[in-house]
């Protein structure tokens, strides 16, 4: 049983390495479109002023202002950190 599990894991690792090296026949990619987050709505729903939101999440006021004005959008860790 353990040998079969090991072989499956090893095959998966080999496929991942091959895919990383450009062999797209050995893997499948999926793109997920995640809707933009309305920071203003979120902040107001939490009952927080912009200053309090900034302080609570350790963000810069400029960043939050840019998000709220649609100049930029939260990406990467910021989405998971404050925008769930």
PDB file of N, CA and C in Angstrom:
ATOM      1  N   UNK A   1       0.828  -1.197   0.000  1.00  0.00           N
ATOM      2  CA  UNK A   1       0.000   0.000   0.000  1.00  0.00           C
ATOM      3  C   UNK A   1       0.868   1.254   0.000  1.00  0.00           C
ATOM      4  N   UNK A   2       1.887   1.277   0.860  1.00  0.00           N
ATOM      5  CA  UNK A   2       2.762   2.438   0.936  1.00  0.00           C
ATOM      6  C   UNK A   2       3.545   2.613  -0.364  1.00  0.00           C
ATOM      7  N   UNK A   3       3.918   1.515  -0.979  1.00  0.00           N
ATOM      8  CA  UNK A   3       4.684   1.574  -2.233  1.00  0.00           C
ATOM      9  C   UNK A   3       3.849   2.203  -3.349  1.00  0.00           C
ATOM     10  N   UNK A   4       2.570   1.840  -3.410  1.00  0.00           N
ATOM     11  CA  UNK A   4       1.674   2.396  -4.422  1.00  0.00           C
ATOM     12  C   UNK A   4       1.503   3.898  -4.205  1.00  0.00           C
ATOM     13  N   UNK A   5       1.324   4.294  -2.958  1.00  0.00           N
ATOM     14  CA  UNK A   5       1.186   5.715  -2.634  1.00  0.00           C
ATOM     15  C   UNK A   5       2.449   6.469  -3.031  1.00  0.00           C
ATOM     16  N   UNK A   6       3.601   5.902  -2.709  1.00  0.00           N
ATOM     17  CA  UNK A   6       4.872   6.537  -3.062  1.00  0.00           C
ATOM     18  C   UNK A   6       4.992   6.702  -4.571  1.00  0.00           C
ATOM     19  N   UNK A   7       4.641   5.679  -5.326  1.00  0.00           N
ATOM     20  CA  UNK A   7       4.749   5.733  -6.781  1.00  0.00           C
ATOM     21  C   UNK A   7       3.831   6.805  -7.371  1.00  0.00           C
ATOM     22  N   UNK A   8       2.635   6.938  -6.820  1.00  0.00           N
ATOM     23  CA  UNK A   8       1.711   7.971  -7.290  1.00  0.00           C
ATOM     24  C   UNK A   8       2.232   9.373  -6.971  1.00  0.00           C
ATOM     25  N   UNK A   9       2.756   9.536  -5.778  1.00  0.00           N
ATOM     26  CA  UNK A   9       3.317  10.833  -5.389  1.00  0.00           C
ATOM     27  C   UNK A   9       4.519  11.161  -6.272  1.00  0.00           C
ATOM     28  N   UNK A  10       5.387  10.194  -6.488  1.00  0.00           N
ATOM     29  CA  UNK A  10       6.573  10.402  -7.317  1.00  0.00           C
ATOM     30  C   UNK A  10       6.183  10.748  -8.750  1.00  0.00           C
ATOM     31  N   UNK A  11       5.177  10.078  -9.289  1.00  0.00           N
ATOM     32  CA  UNK A  11       4.711  10.368 -10.650  1.00  0.00           C
ATOM     33  C   UNK A  11       4.182  11.801 -10.731  1.00  0.00           C
ATOM     34  N   UNK A  12       3.458  12.209  -9.704  1.00  0.00           N
ATOM     35  CA  UNK A  12       2.941  13.579  -9.660  1.00  0.00           C
ATOM     36  C   UNK A  12       4.062  14.601  -9.608  1.00  0.00           C
ATOM     37  N   UNK A  13       5.084  14.321  -8.814  1.00  0.00           N
ATOM     38  CA  UNK A  13       6.230  15.227  -8.727  1.00  0.00           C
ATOM     39  C   UNK A  13       6.972  15.310 -10.060  1.00  0.00           C
ATOM     40  N   UNK A  14       7.145  14.170 -10.705  1.00  0.00           N
ATOM     41  CA  UNK A  14       7.814  14.166 -12.014  1.00  0.00           C
ATOM     42  C   UNK A  14       7.005  14.949 -13.046  1.00  0.00           C
ATOM     43  N   UNK A  15       5.683  14.795 -13.018  1.00  0.00           N
ATOM     44  CA  UNK A  15       4.828  15.570 -13.922  1.00  0.00           C
ATOM     45  C   UNK A  15       4.953  17.066 -13.632  1.00  0.00           C
ATOM     46  N   UNK A  16       4.963  17.435 -12.365  1.00  0.00           N
ATOM     47  CA  UNK A  16       5.071  18.846 -11.992  1.00  0.00           C
ATOM     48  C   UNK A  16       6.399  19.434 -12.466  1.00  0.00           C
ATOM     49  N   UNK A  17       7.478  18.695 -12.283  1.00  0.00           N
ATOM     50  CA  UNK A  17       8.789  19.166 -12.739  1.00  0.00           C
ATOM     51  C   UNK A  17       8.836  19.293 -14.257  1.00  0.00           C
ATOM     52  N   UNK A  18       8.276  18.322 -14.953  1.00  0.00           N
ATOM     53  CA  UNK A  18       8.255  18.373 -16.413  1.00  0.00           C
ATOM     54  C   UNK A  18       7.418  19.563 -16.885  1.00  0.00           C
ATOM     55  N   UNK A  19       6.292  19.777 -16.250  1.00  0.00           N
ATOM     56  CA  UNK A  19       5.430  20.902 -16.611  1.00  0.00           C
ATOM     57  C   UNK A  19       6.170  22.218 -16.374  1.00  0.00           C
ATOM     58  N   UNK A  20       6.866  22.295 -15.245  1.00  0.00           N
ATOM     59  CA  UNK A  20       7.650  23.488 -14.939  1.00  0.00           C
ATOM     60  C   UNK A  20       8.743  23.746 -15.954  1.00  0.00           C
ATOM     61  N   UNK A  21       9.233  22.686 -16.568  1.00  0.00           N
ATOM     62  CA  UNK A  21      10.267  22.806 -17.604  1.00  0.00           C
ATOM     63  C   UNK A  21       9.672  23.029 -18.990  1.00  0.00           C
ATOM     64  N   UNK A  22       8.357  23.144 -19.079  1.00  0.00           N
ATOM     65  CA  UNK A  22       7.726  23.480 -20.348  1.00  0.00           C
ATOM     66  C   UNK A  22       6.969  22.366 -21.045  1.00  0.00           C
ATOM     67  N   UNK A  23       6.941  21.176 -20.486  1.00  0.00           N
ATOM     68  CA  UNK A  23       6.209  20.062 -21.097  1.00  0.00           C
ATOM     69  C   UNK A  23       4.748  20.143 -20.666  1.00  0.00           C
ATOM     70  N   UNK A  24       3.956  20.913 -21.433  1.00  0.00           N
ATOM     71  CA  UNK A  24       2.562  21.153 -21.030  1.00  0.00           C
ATOM     72  C   UNK A  24       1.669  19.930 -21.208  1.00  0.00           C
ATOM     73  N   UNK A  25       2.189  18.879 -21.819  1.00  0.00           N
ATOM     74  CA  UNK A  25       1.385  17.669 -21.985  1.00  0.00           C
ATOM     75  C   UNK A  25       1.258  16.903 -20.676  1.00  0.00           C
ATOM     76  N   UNK A  26       2.049  17.289 -19.669  1.00  0.00           N
ATOM     77  CA  UNK A  26       2.064  16.518 -18.421  1.00  0.00           C
ATOM     78  C   UNK A  26       1.385  17.249 -17.262  1.00  0.00           C
ATOM     79  N   UNK A  27       0.515  18.183 -17.602  1.00  0.00           N
ATOM     80  CA  UNK A  27      -0.175  18.885 -16.527  1.00  0.00           C
ATOM     81  C   UNK A  27      -1.360  19.664 -17.062  1.00  0.00           C
ATOM     82  N   UNK A  28      -2.166  20.118 -16.167  1.00  0.00           N
ATOM     83  CA  UNK A  28      -3.333  20.915 -16.510  1.00  0.00           C
ATOM     84  C   UNK A  28      -3.323  22.159 -15.648  1.00  0.00           C
ATOM     85  N   UNK A  29      -3.594  23.291 -16.257  1.00  0.00           N
ATOM     86  CA  UNK A  29      -3.701  24.523 -15.484  1.00  0.00           C
ATOM     87  C   UNK A  29      -5.147  24.982 -15.463  1.00  0.00           C
ATOM     88  N   UNK A  30      -5.492  25.659 -14.420  1.00  0.00           N
ATOM     89  CA  UNK A  30      -6.832  26.216 -14.272  1.00  0.00           C
ATOM     90  C   UNK A  30      -6.685  27.667 -13.841  1.00  0.00           C
ATOM     91  N   UNK A  31      -7.417  28.550 -14.479  1.00  0.00           N
ATOM     92  CA  UNK A  31      -7.425  29.944 -14.074  1.00  0.00           C
ATOM     93  C   UNK A  31      -8.783  30.231 -13.442  1.00  0.00           C
ATOM     94  N   UNK A  32      -8.723  30.878 -12.306  1.00  0.00           N
ATOM     95  CA  UNK A  32      -9.944  31.221 -11.590  1.00  0.00           C
ATOM     96  C   UNK A  32     -10.055  32.731 -11.545  1.00  0.00           C
ATOM     97  N   UNK A  33     -11.154  33.255 -12.010  1.00  0.00           N
ATOM     98  CA  UNK A  33     -11.396  34.694 -11.971  1.00  0.00           C
ATOM     99  C   UNK A  33     -12.101  35.011 -10.660  1.00  0.00           C
ATOM    100  N   UNK A  34     -11.464  35.824  -9.868  1.00  0.00           N
ATOM    101  CA  UNK A  34     -12.025  36.227  -8.589  1.00  0.00           C
ATOM    102  C   UNK A  34     -12.503  37.668  -8.721  1.00  0.00           C
ATOM    103  N   UNK A  35     -13.731  37.891  -8.356  1.00  0.00           N
ATOM    104  CA  UNK A  35     -14.307  39.228  -8.481  1.00  0.00           C
ATOM    105  C   UNK A  35     -13.533  40.234  -7.628  1.00  0.00           C
ATOM    106  N   UNK A  36     -13.493  41.473  -8.120  1.00  0.00           N
ATOM    107  CA  UNK A  36     -12.843  42.534  -7.357  1.00  0.00           C
ATOM    108  C   UNK A  36     -13.587  42.752  -6.044  1.00  0.00           C
ATOM    109  N   UNK A  37     -12.856  43.220  -5.070  1.00  0.00           N
ATOM    110  CA  UNK A  37     -13.412  43.444  -3.745  1.00  0.00           C
ATOM    111  C   UNK A  37     -13.759  44.923  -3.604  1.00  0.00           C
ATOM    112  N   UNK A  38     -14.946  45.207  -3.124  1.00  0.00           N
ATOM    113  CA  UNK A  38     -15.366  46.590  -2.866  1.00  0.00           C
ATOM    114  C   UNK A  38     -14.926  46.951  -1.450  1.00  0.00           C
ATOM    115  N   UNK A  39     -13.748  47.539  -1.346  1.00  0.00           N
ATOM    116  CA  UNK A  39     -13.161  47.858  -0.041  1.00  0.00           C
ATOM    117  C   UNK A  39     -14.013  48.849   0.728  1.00  0.00           C
ATOM    118  N   UNK A  40     -14.557  49.838   0.047  1.00  0.00           N
ATOM    119  CA  UNK A  40     -15.393  50.827   0.732  1.00  0.00           C
ATOM    120  C   UNK A  40     -16.583  50.142   1.391  1.00  0.00           C
ATOM    121  N   UNK A  41     -17.243  49.269   0.641  1.00  0.00           N
ATOM    122  CA  UNK A  41     -18.399  48.541   1.178  1.00  0.00           C
ATOM    123  C   UNK A  41     -17.978  47.676   2.369  1.00  0.00           C
ATOM    124  N   UNK A  42     -16.876  46.968   2.213  1.00  0.00           N
ATOM    125  CA  UNK A  42     -16.377  46.118   3.293  1.00  0.00           C
ATOM    126  C   UNK A  42     -16.077  46.936   4.539  1.00  0.00           C
ATOM    127  N   UNK A  43     -15.357  48.033   4.358  1.00  0.00           N
ATOM    128  CA  UNK A  43     -14.974  48.881   5.499  1.00  0.00           C
ATOM    129  C   UNK A  43     -16.212  49.444   6.203  1.00  0.00           C
ATOM    130  N   UNK A  44     -17.165  49.910   5.408  1.00  0.00           N
ATOM    131  CA  UNK A  44     -18.385  50.473   6.003  1.00  0.00           C
ATOM    132  C   UNK A  44     -19.214  49.392   6.681  1.00  0.00           C
ATOM    133  N   UNK A  45     -19.262  48.214   6.092  1.00  0.00           N
ATOM    134  CA  UNK A  45     -19.996  47.095   6.699  1.00  0.00           C
ATOM    135  C   UNK A  45     -19.404  46.734   8.059  1.00  0.00           C
ATOM    136  N   UNK A  46     -18.072  46.874   8.168  1.00  0.00           N
ATOM    137  CA  UNK A  46     -17.400  46.615   9.446  1.00  0.00           C
ATOM    138  C   UNK A  46     -17.534  47.781  10.425  1.00  0.00           C
ATOM    139  N   UNK A  47     -18.092  48.892   9.945  1.00  0.00           N
ATOM    140  CA  UNK A  47     -18.277  50.057  10.797  1.00  0.00           C
ATOM    141  C   UNK A  47     -16.967  50.767  11.123  1.00  0.00           C
ATOM    142  N   UNK A  48     -16.033  50.731  10.184  1.00  0.00           N
ATOM    143  CA  UNK A  48     -14.720  51.319  10.428  1.00  0.00           C
ATOM    144  C   UNK A  48     -14.498  52.557   9.566  1.00  0.00           C
ATOM    145  N   UNK A  49     -13.877  53.553  10.168  1.00  0.00           N
ATOM    146  CA  UNK A  49     -13.433  54.695   9.388  1.00  0.00           C
ATOM    147  C   UNK A  49     -12.226  54.249   8.570  1.00  0.00           C
ATOM    148  N   UNK A  50     -11.861  55.039   7.595  1.00  0.00           N
ATOM    149  CA  UNK A  50     -10.691  54.694   6.792  1.00  0.00           C
ATOM    150  C   UNK A  50      -9.436  54.647   7.677  1.00  0.00           C
ATOM    151  N   UNK A  51      -9.318  55.601   8.593  1.00  0.00           N
ATOM    152  CA  UNK A  51      -8.153  55.619   9.499  1.00  0.00           C
ATOM    153  C   UNK A  51      -8.105  54.371  10.376  1.00  0.00           C
ATOM    154  N   UNK A  52      -9.241  53.949  10.877  1.00  0.00           N
ATOM    155  CA  UNK A  52      -9.285  52.767  11.748  1.00  0.00           C
ATOM    156  C   UNK A  52      -8.989  51.493  10.941  1.00  0.00           C
ATOM    157  N   UNK A  53      -9.517  51.411   9.743  1.00  0.00           N
ATOM    158  CA  UNK A  53      -9.274  50.269   8.865  1.00  0.00           C
ATOM    159  C   UNK A  53      -7.780  50.142   8.583  1.00  0.00           C
ATOM    160  N   UNK A  54      -7.162  51.268   8.254  1.00  0.00           N
ATOM    161  CA  UNK A  54      -5.722  51.308   7.983  1.00  0.00           C
ATOM    162  C   UNK A  54      -4.938  50.827   9.191  1.00  0.00           C
ATOM    163  N   UNK A  55      -5.269  51.332  10.356  1.00  0.00           N
ATOM    164  CA  UNK A  55      -4.547  50.965  11.582  1.00  0.00           C
ATOM    165  C   UNK A  55      -4.765  49.495  11.941  1.00  0.00           C
ATOM    166  N   UNK A  56      -5.991  49.035  11.793  1.00  0.00           N
ATOM    167  CA  UNK A  56      -6.331  47.675  12.175  1.00  0.00           C
ATOM    168  C   UNK A  56      -5.609  46.631  11.318  1.00  0.00           C
ATOM    169  N   UNK A  57      -5.504  46.915  10.024  1.00  0.00           N
ATOM    170  CA  UNK A  57      -4.889  45.953   9.114  1.00  0.00           C
ATOM    171  C   UNK A  57      -3.442  46.268   8.767  1.00  0.00           C
ATOM    172  N   UNK A  58      -2.899  47.351   9.337  1.00  0.00           N
ATOM    173  CA  UNK A  58      -1.495  47.681   9.100  1.00  0.00           C
ATOM    174  C   UNK A  58      -1.208  48.071   7.659  1.00  0.00           C
ATOM    175  N   UNK A  59      -2.151  48.741   7.047  1.00  0.00           N
ATOM    176  CA  UNK A  59      -2.005  49.180   5.657  1.00  0.00           C
ATOM    177  C   UNK A  59      -1.685  50.666   5.622  1.00  0.00           C
ATOM    178  N   UNK A  60      -1.216  51.131   4.481  1.00  0.00           N
ATOM    179  CA  UNK A  60      -0.996  52.572   4.355  1.00  0.00           C
ATOM    180  C   UNK A  60      -2.306  53.227   3.922  1.00  0.00           C
ATOM    181  N   UNK A  61      -2.494  54.469   4.350  1.00  0.00           N
ATOM    182  CA  UNK A  61      -3.694  55.209   3.975  1.00  0.00           C
ATOM    183  C   UNK A  61      -3.760  55.366   2.459  1.00  0.00           C
ATOM    184  N   UNK A  62      -2.615  55.552   1.838  1.00  0.00           N
ATOM    185  CA  UNK A  62      -2.572  55.712   0.383  1.00  0.00           C
ATOM    186  C   UNK A  62      -3.064  54.444  -0.321  1.00  0.00           C
ATOM    187  N   UNK A  63      -2.648  53.288   0.173  1.00  0.00           N
ATOM    188  CA  UNK A  63      -3.073  52.022  -0.417  1.00  0.00           C
ATOM    189  C   UNK A  63      -4.588  51.875  -0.347  1.00  0.00           C
ATOM    190  N   UNK A  64      -5.157  52.104   0.821  1.00  0.00           N
ATOM    191  CA  UNK A  64      -6.608  51.968   0.993  1.00  0.00           C
ATOM    192  C   UNK A  64      -7.340  52.997   0.140  1.00  0.00           C
ATOM    193  N   UNK A  65      -6.831  54.214   0.093  1.00  0.00           N
ATOM    194  CA  UNK A  65      -7.440  55.255  -0.737  1.00  0.00           C
ATOM    195  C   UNK A  65      -7.429  54.828  -2.212  1.00  0.00           C
ATOM    196  N   UNK A  66      -6.303  54.287  -2.675  1.00  0.00           N
ATOM    197  CA  UNK A  66      -6.223  53.821  -4.067  1.00  0.00           C
ATOM    198  C   UNK A  66      -7.194  52.677  -4.332  1.00  0.00           C
ATOM    199  N   UNK A  67      -7.349  51.778  -3.371  1.00  0.00           N
ATOM    200  CA  UNK A  67      -8.311  50.689  -3.526  1.00  0.00           C
ATOM    201  C   UNK A  67      -9.727  51.234  -3.620  1.00  0.00           C
ATOM    202  N   UNK A  68     -10.050  52.140  -2.733  1.00  0.00           N
ATOM    203  CA  UNK A  68     -11.417  52.665  -2.688  1.00  0.00           C
ATOM    204  C   UNK A  68     -11.746  53.506  -3.913  1.00  0.00           C
ATOM    205  N   UNK A  69     -10.756  54.149  -4.492  1.00  0.00           N
ATOM    206  CA  UNK A  69     -10.982  54.971  -5.686  1.00  0.00           C
ATOM    207  C   UNK A  69     -10.870  54.162  -6.975  1.00  0.00           C
ATOM    208  N   UNK A  70     -10.548  52.882  -6.856  1.00  0.00           N
ATOM    209  CA  UNK A  70     -10.447  52.026  -8.027  1.00  0.00           C
ATOM    210  C   UNK A  70      -9.160  52.204  -8.820  1.00  0.00           C
ATOM    211  N   UNK A  71      -8.209  52.944  -8.269  1.00  0.00           N
ATOM    212  CA  UNK A  71      -6.924  53.133  -8.928  1.00  0.00           C
ATOM    213  C   UNK A  71      -6.146  51.823  -8.938  1.00  0.00           C
ATOM    214  N   UNK A  72      -6.231  51.097  -7.838  1.00  0.00           N
ATOM    215  CA  UNK A  72      -5.583  49.793  -7.694  1.00  0.00           C
ATOM    216  C   UNK A  72      -6.584  48.851  -7.047  1.00  0.00           C
ATOM    217  N   UNK A  73      -6.239  47.572  -7.040  1.00  0.00           N
ATOM    218  CA  UNK A  73      -7.086  46.557  -6.420  1.00  0.00           C
ATOM    219  C   UNK A  73      -6.219  45.673  -5.546  1.00  0.00           C
ATOM    220  N   UNK A  74      -6.760  45.209  -4.414  1.00  0.00           N
ATOM    221  CA  UNK A  74      -5.981  44.309  -3.555  1.00  0.00           C
ATOM    222  C   UNK A  74      -5.559  43.069  -4.339  1.00  0.00           C
ATOM    223  N   UNK A  75      -4.310  42.671  -4.153  1.00  0.00           N
ATOM    224  CA  UNK A  75      -3.789  41.489  -4.841  1.00  0.00           C
ATOM    225  C   UNK A  75      -3.082  40.598  -3.852  1.00  0.00           C
ATOM    226  N   UNK A  76      -2.911  39.360  -4.236  1.00  0.00           N
ATOM    227  CA  UNK A  76      -2.120  38.417  -3.465  1.00  0.00           C
ATOM    228  C   UNK A  76      -2.515  38.331  -1.999  1.00  0.00           C
ATOM    229  N   UNK A  77      -1.533  38.419  -1.117  1.00  0.00           N
ATOM    230  CA  UNK A  77      -1.799  38.273   0.307  1.00  0.00           C
ATOM    231  C   UNK A  77      -2.797  39.292   0.855  1.00  0.00           C
ATOM    232  N   UNK A  78      -2.824  40.484   0.294  1.00  0.00           N
ATOM    233  CA  UNK A  78      -3.752  41.514   0.792  1.00  0.00           C
ATOM    234  C   UNK A  78      -5.198  41.064   0.639  1.00  0.00           C
ATOM    235  N   UNK A  79      -5.510  40.369  -0.446  1.00  0.00           N
ATOM    236  CA  UNK A  79      -6.879  39.874  -0.638  1.00  0.00           C
ATOM    237  C   UNK A  79      -7.263  38.901   0.474  1.00  0.00           C
ATOM    238  N   UNK A  80      -6.361  38.007   0.785  1.00  0.00           N
ATOM    239  CA  UNK A  80      -6.653  37.015   1.817  1.00  0.00           C
ATOM    240  C   UNK A  80      -6.611  37.585   3.213  1.00  0.00           C
ATOM    241  N   UNK A  81      -5.803  38.602   3.396  1.00  0.00           N
ATOM    242  CA  UNK A  81      -5.602  39.175   4.721  1.00  0.00           C
ATOM    243  C   UNK A  81      -6.795  40.013   5.179  1.00  0.00           C
ATOM    244  N   UNK A  82      -7.278  40.875   4.322  1.00  0.00           N
ATOM    245  CA  UNK A  82      -8.337  41.786   4.779  1.00  0.00           C
ATOM    246  C   UNK A  82      -9.617  41.716   3.949  1.00  0.00           C
ATOM    247  N   UNK A  83      -9.667  40.907   2.947  1.00  0.00           N
ATOM    248  CA  UNK A  83     -10.778  41.007   2.014  1.00  0.00           C
ATOM    249  C   UNK A  83     -11.552  39.707   1.821  1.00  0.00           C
ATOM    250  N   UNK A  84     -11.661  38.909   2.810  1.00  0.00           N
ATOM    251  CA  UNK A  84     -12.399  37.651   2.651  1.00  0.00           C
ATOM    252  C   UNK A  84     -13.879  37.878   2.653  1.00  0.00           C
TER     253      UNK A  84
END
